[in-house]
Amino acid sequence: MNEIFTYKNQALHYRFHSNSDTTLVFLHGWGQSMVMMEPLEQHFKPMVSTLNLDFPGFGLSAPLNDVWSIYDYADAVESLLKQLGIVDPVFVAHSFGARVALILSHRLKTSKMVLTGAAGLKPKLSLQTHLKIRMYKLLKIGLRIPVLGPKLIPLKAHFGSDDYKQTQGALRQTFVKVVNQDLKELLSEINTSTLLIWGEHDDATPLWMGKLMEKKMKDAALIVYDDEDHYAYYHHMGRTIKIIEAFVMPKVR
């Protein structure tokens, strides 16, 4: 059943199905919605309890009414878990959703985690990126000069990631806060047994991030999908389901 949970005057849309002490909590990526997790939700719903949600600002949840940090998102999900009486959850998260899962598994007793294309680490900046940042800083100075400003405005469109360009207002400022939050220091303090699923050619969260997470976390294993990208888990849903079943279902049995 679709429901609305309100956290700090912010509406969050979710769907909870309860039939087991084991609950899979699905957390989607930035710019997406619970729809991306529905194939997993529908498959596992007959076997275990499931919680699928739209993060505030996405899907059927209300637009953000203020700028949030990644910790605000984690607080909202934690409050929802408490209201629903969910304890010892299994997090299944993609990209941005993995940031939230990492924070919550550090705070809460968590059964297991499956993280795919997980965000949470600051990217390595290439020389080209460093130059682009420098150019953007110079552009911002130029925009403040009355004679130059109007002529330079069109150049702003050439800067920023696709995710940044596709947002505005509070959500855009939230995106900036989120991507600048490095969770590297949390990794070694997470005790949750974790399965990492990665696309070999992921260019949003490169494979080196998955390898570093596997190395830093106390109990993590990395599975790489050959010739795949940031949405590897979705492109090979059947394989992903089998992997999650093997990892999670023994707990249920």
Protein backbone atom coordinates (compact mmCIF):
# COMPACT_ATOMS: atom_id res chain seq x y z
CA MET A 1 0.00 0.00 0.00
CA ASN A 2 1.30 3.46 -0.94
CA GLU A 3 1.62 5.81 2.02
CA ILE A 4 3.00 9.24 2.89
CA PHE A 5 5.40 9.78 5.80
CA THR A 6 6.14 13.31 6.94
CA TYR A 7 9.55 14.21 8.31
CA LYS A 8 10.28 17.85 9.24
CA ASN A 9 7.37 19.05 7.08
CA GLN A 10 8.74 17.05 4.15
CA ALA A 11 6.48 14.43 2.56
CA LEU A 12 8.05 11.07 1.70
CA HIS A 13 6.18 8.54 -0.45
CA TYR A 14 6.69 4.86 0.39
CA ARG A 15 5.24 1.36 0.02
CA PHE A 16 5.56 -1.18 2.84
CA HIS A 17 4.60 -4.85 2.67
CA SER A 18 4.95 -6.79 5.93
CA ASN A 19 4.95 -10.58 6.09
CA SER A 20 8.27 -11.50 7.74
CA ASP A 21 10.74 -10.44 10.42
CA THR A 22 13.26 -9.89 7.61
CA THR A 23 12.77 -6.60 5.76
CA LEU A 24 14.48 -5.58 2.53
CA VAL A 25 14.74 -1.79 2.33
CA PHE A 26 15.25 -0.50 -1.22
CA LEU A 27 17.02 2.84 -1.72
CA HIS A 28 17.19 4.28 -5.24
CA GLY A 29 19.79 6.52 -6.86
CA TRP A 30 19.88 10.26 -7.44
CA GLY A 31 17.42 11.54 -10.02
CA GLN A 32 15.50 8.25 -9.96
CA SER A 33 12.55 6.89 -8.00
CA MET A 34 11.25 3.70 -6.40
CA VAL A 35 10.35 2.50 -9.92
CA MET A 36 13.98 1.46 -10.44
CA MET A 37 13.69 -0.89 -7.48
CA GLU A 38 10.25 -2.30 -8.29
CA PRO A 39 11.50 -5.46 -10.08
CA LEU A 40 13.40 -6.42 -6.92
CA GLU A 41 10.53 -5.40 -4.67
CA GLN A 42 7.99 -7.48 -6.60
CA HIS A 43 10.24 -10.54 -6.70
CA PHE A 44 11.03 -10.59 -2.98
CA LYS A 45 7.66 -9.41 -1.66
CA PRO A 46 6.17 -12.94 -1.40
CA MET A 47 9.18 -14.13 0.64
CA VAL A 48 10.07 -11.27 3.01
CA SER A 49 8.84 -7.86 4.11
CA THR A 50 9.75 -5.04 1.73
CA LEU A 51 10.01 -1.27 1.98
CA ASN A 52 10.39 0.78 -1.19
CA LEU A 53 10.44 4.57 -1.13
CA ASP A 54 10.91 7.79 -3.07
CA PHE A 55 13.53 10.03 -1.50
CA PRO A 56 12.26 13.58 -0.87
CA GLY A 57 12.65 15.57 -4.07
CA PHE A 58 12.09 12.55 -6.32
CA GLY A 59 9.30 10.34 -7.62
CA LEU A 60 5.97 10.88 -5.86
CA SER A 61 7.57 12.48 -2.81
CA ALA A 62 7.17 16.24 -2.48
CA PRO A 63 9.86 18.59 -3.84
CA LEU A 64 12.38 19.65 -1.23
CA ASN A 65 11.28 22.71 0.70
CA ASP A 66 14.79 23.30 2.07
CA VAL A 67 18.39 22.34 1.39
CA TRP A 68 19.24 18.89 2.78
CA SER A 69 22.49 17.07 3.49
CA ILE A 70 23.00 13.34 3.10
CA TYR A 71 22.51 13.09 6.87
CA ASP A 72 19.05 14.64 6.56
CA TYR A 73 18.11 11.89 4.11
CA ALA A 74 19.50 9.28 6.49
CA ASP A 75 17.57 10.82 9.40
CA ALA A 76 14.34 10.72 7.40
CA VAL A 77 14.74 7.04 6.49
CA GLU A 78 15.73 6.16 10.05
CA SER A 79 12.58 7.88 11.36
CA LEU A 80 10.46 5.95 8.86
CA LEU A 81 12.04 2.65 9.91
CA LYS A 82 11.24 3.41 13.54
CA GLN A 83 7.64 4.33 12.76
CA LEU A 84 7.14 1.07 10.85
CA GLY A 85 8.85 -0.98 13.55
CA ILE A 86 11.57 -2.22 11.20
CA VAL A 87 14.65 -3.53 13.00
CA ASP A 88 17.78 -5.22 11.66
CA PRO A 89 16.97 -4.33 8.02
CA VAL A 90 18.66 -5.53 4.84
CA PHE A 91 19.54 -2.50 2.71
CA VAL A 92 19.53 -2.89 -1.07
CA ALA A 93 20.77 0.39 -2.48
CA HIS A 94 22.00 1.93 -5.72
CA SER A 95 24.36 4.89 -6.13
CA PHE A 96 23.08 7.80 -3.98
CA GLY A 97 20.91 5.38 -2.00
CA ALA A 98 24.10 3.60 -0.94
CA ARG A 99 25.27 6.80 0.77
CA VAL A 100 22.19 6.62 2.99
CA ALA A 101 22.66 2.89 3.57
CA LEU A 102 26.29 3.36 4.62
CA ILE A 103 25.35 6.02 7.18
CA LEU A 104 22.46 3.98 8.58
CA SER A 105 24.48 0.77 8.81
CA HIS A 106 27.05 2.73 10.80
CA ARG A 107 24.31 3.91 13.19
CA LEU A 108 21.91 0.99 13.36
CA LYS A 109 22.05 -2.76 13.78
CA THR A 110 21.79 -3.87 10.17
CA SER A 111 21.44 -7.44 8.96
CA LYS A 112 23.14 -7.16 5.57
CA MET A 113 23.68 -4.75 2.70
CA VAL A 114 23.71 -5.07 -1.07
CA LEU A 115 25.21 -1.92 -2.60
CA THR A 116 25.43 -1.46 -6.36
CA GLY A 117 27.36 1.33 -8.05
CA ALA A 118 27.66 2.80 -4.58
CA ALA A 119 28.39 6.50 -4.18
CA GLY A 120 30.06 7.88 -1.07
CA LEU A 121 33.68 8.46 -2.07
CA LYS A 122 35.12 11.64 -3.52
CA PRO A 123 36.24 11.09 -7.13
CA LYS A 124 39.85 11.44 -8.20
CA LEU A 125 40.19 14.67 -10.15
CA SER A 126 41.95 14.52 -13.50
CA LEU A 127 44.05 17.42 -14.84
CA GLN A 128 41.15 18.25 -17.15
CA THR A 129 38.77 18.44 -14.20
CA HIS A 130 41.18 20.63 -12.23
CA LEU A 131 41.41 23.00 -15.20
CA LYS A 132 37.63 23.04 -15.56
CA ILE A 133 37.21 23.95 -11.87
CA ARG A 134 39.76 26.75 -12.27
CA MET A 135 37.97 28.06 -15.36
CA TYR A 136 34.63 27.99 -13.55
CA LYS A 137 36.05 29.99 -10.64
CA LEU A 138 37.36 32.58 -13.12
CA LEU A 139 33.97 32.61 -14.85
CA LYS A 140 32.19 33.37 -11.55
CA ILE A 141 34.52 36.34 -11.03
CA GLY A 142 33.81 37.54 -14.56
CA LEU A 143 30.05 37.28 -14.06
CA ARG A 144 30.31 39.90 -11.31
CA ILE A 145 31.88 42.43 -13.68
CA PRO A 146 29.07 44.56 -15.23
CA VAL A 147 30.70 44.84 -18.66
CA LEU A 148 31.53 41.12 -18.97
CA GLY A 149 28.73 39.46 -16.98
CA PRO A 150 25.94 39.36 -19.62
CA LYS A 151 28.35 38.02 -22.26
CA LEU A 152 29.59 35.22 -20.01
CA ILE A 153 26.20 33.88 -18.83
CA PRO A 154 25.86 31.41 -21.78
CA LEU A 155 29.17 29.80 -20.77
CA LYS A 156 27.67 28.60 -17.46
CA ALA A 157 25.80 25.88 -19.35
CA HIS A 158 29.11 24.17 -20.14
CA PHE A 159 29.90 23.53 -16.48
CA GLY A 160 28.44 21.02 -14.04
CA SER A 161 27.46 17.36 -14.26
CA ASP A 162 24.24 16.19 -15.89
CA ASP A 163 22.73 15.59 -12.43
CA TYR A 164 23.61 19.16 -11.45
CA LYS A 165 22.19 20.66 -14.64
CA GLN A 166 18.93 18.73 -14.30
CA THR A 167 18.18 20.14 -10.84
CA GLN A 168 17.35 23.60 -9.57
CA GLY A 169 16.59 25.47 -6.37
CA ALA A 170 16.88 23.55 -3.11
CA LEU A 171 17.51 20.25 -4.90
CA ARG A 172 20.50 21.67 -6.79
CA GLN A 173 22.03 23.04 -3.59
CA THR A 174 21.32 19.70 -1.93
CA PHE A 175 23.13 17.89 -4.75
CA VAL A 176 26.23 20.02 -4.18
CA LYS A 177 26.20 19.25 -0.44
CA VAL A 178 25.67 15.54 -1.03
CA VAL A 179 28.44 14.98 -3.59
CA ASN A 180 30.95 16.87 -1.45
CA GLN A 181 30.34 14.61 1.56
CA ASP A 182 33.07 11.96 1.66
CA LEU A 183 32.08 8.85 3.63
CA LYS A 184 35.46 7.13 3.34
CA GLU A 185 36.17 7.36 7.06
CA LEU A 186 32.96 5.46 7.89
CA LEU A 187 33.87 2.38 5.86
CA SER A 188 36.28 0.79 8.33
CA GLU A 189 33.75 1.24 11.15
CA ILE A 190 30.91 -0.63 9.42
CA ASN A 191 30.45 -4.19 10.67
CA THR A 192 27.56 -5.16 8.40
CA SER A 193 28.17 -8.01 5.97
CA THR A 194 28.08 -6.29 2.58
CA LEU A 195 27.88 -7.40 -1.03
CA LEU A 196 29.09 -4.88 -3.62
CA ILE A 197 27.85 -5.16 -7.22
CA TRP A 198 29.62 -3.06 -9.85
CA GLY A 199 29.69 -2.49 -13.58
CA GLU A 200 33.16 -2.90 -15.07
CA HIS A 201 32.86 0.36 -17.01
CA ASP A 202 30.87 2.41 -14.50
CA ASP A 203 31.77 6.05 -15.18
CA ALA A 204 29.55 7.57 -12.47
CA THR A 205 31.10 5.62 -9.60
CA PRO A 206 34.22 4.05 -11.15
CA LEU A 207 35.25 0.50 -10.29
CA TRP A 208 38.15 1.71 -8.14
CA MET A 209 35.54 2.93 -5.66
CA GLY A 210 34.09 -0.57 -5.34
CA LYS A 211 37.55 -2.04 -4.86
CA LEU A 212 38.37 0.53 -2.17
CA MET A 213 35.10 -0.15 -0.36
CA GLU A 214 35.80 -3.88 -0.42
CA LYS A 215 39.27 -3.23 1.02
CA LYS A 216 38.20 -0.76 3.72
CA MET A 217 35.04 -2.47 4.98
CA LYS A 218 35.37 -5.25 7.55
CA ASP A 219 33.14 -7.78 5.79
CA ALA A 220 32.61 -6.98 2.11
CA ALA A 221 32.85 -8.82 -1.20
CA LEU A 222 32.84 -7.31 -4.69
CA ILE A 223 31.11 -8.80 -7.74
CA VAL A 224 31.90 -7.15 -11.09
CA TYR A 225 29.56 -7.35 -14.09
CA ASP A 226 31.77 -7.44 -17.20
CA ASP A 227 31.24 -4.80 -19.90
CA GLU A 228 28.57 -3.05 -17.84
CA ASP A 229 27.93 0.49 -16.61
CA HIS A 230 26.41 2.29 -13.61
CA TYR A 231 23.11 0.45 -14.05
CA ALA A 232 24.59 -3.04 -14.20
CA TYR A 233 22.23 -4.37 -11.54
CA TYR A 234 19.19 -3.26 -13.54
CA HIS A 235 20.41 -4.43 -16.95
CA HIS A 236 20.94 -7.93 -15.53
CA MET A 237 18.02 -8.10 -13.12
CA GLY A 238 17.78 -11.90 -13.22
CA ARG A 239 21.40 -12.29 -12.22
CA THR A 240 21.07 -9.63 -9.53
CA ILE A 241 18.04 -11.39 -8.05
CA LYS A 242 19.89 -14.71 -7.86
CA ILE A 243 22.86 -13.06 -6.15
CA ILE A 244 20.65 -11.32 -3.57
CA GLU A 245 18.73 -14.54 -2.93
CA ALA A 246 21.96 -16.45 -2.27
CA PHE A 247 23.23 -13.69 0.01
CA VAL A 248 20.05 -12.85 1.94
CA MET A 249 17.69 -15.82 1.87
CA PRO A 250 19.76 -18.20 4.06
CA LYS A 251 18.96 -15.77 6.89
CA VAL A 252 15.25 -16.26 6.20
CA ARG A 253 15.46 -20.05 6.05
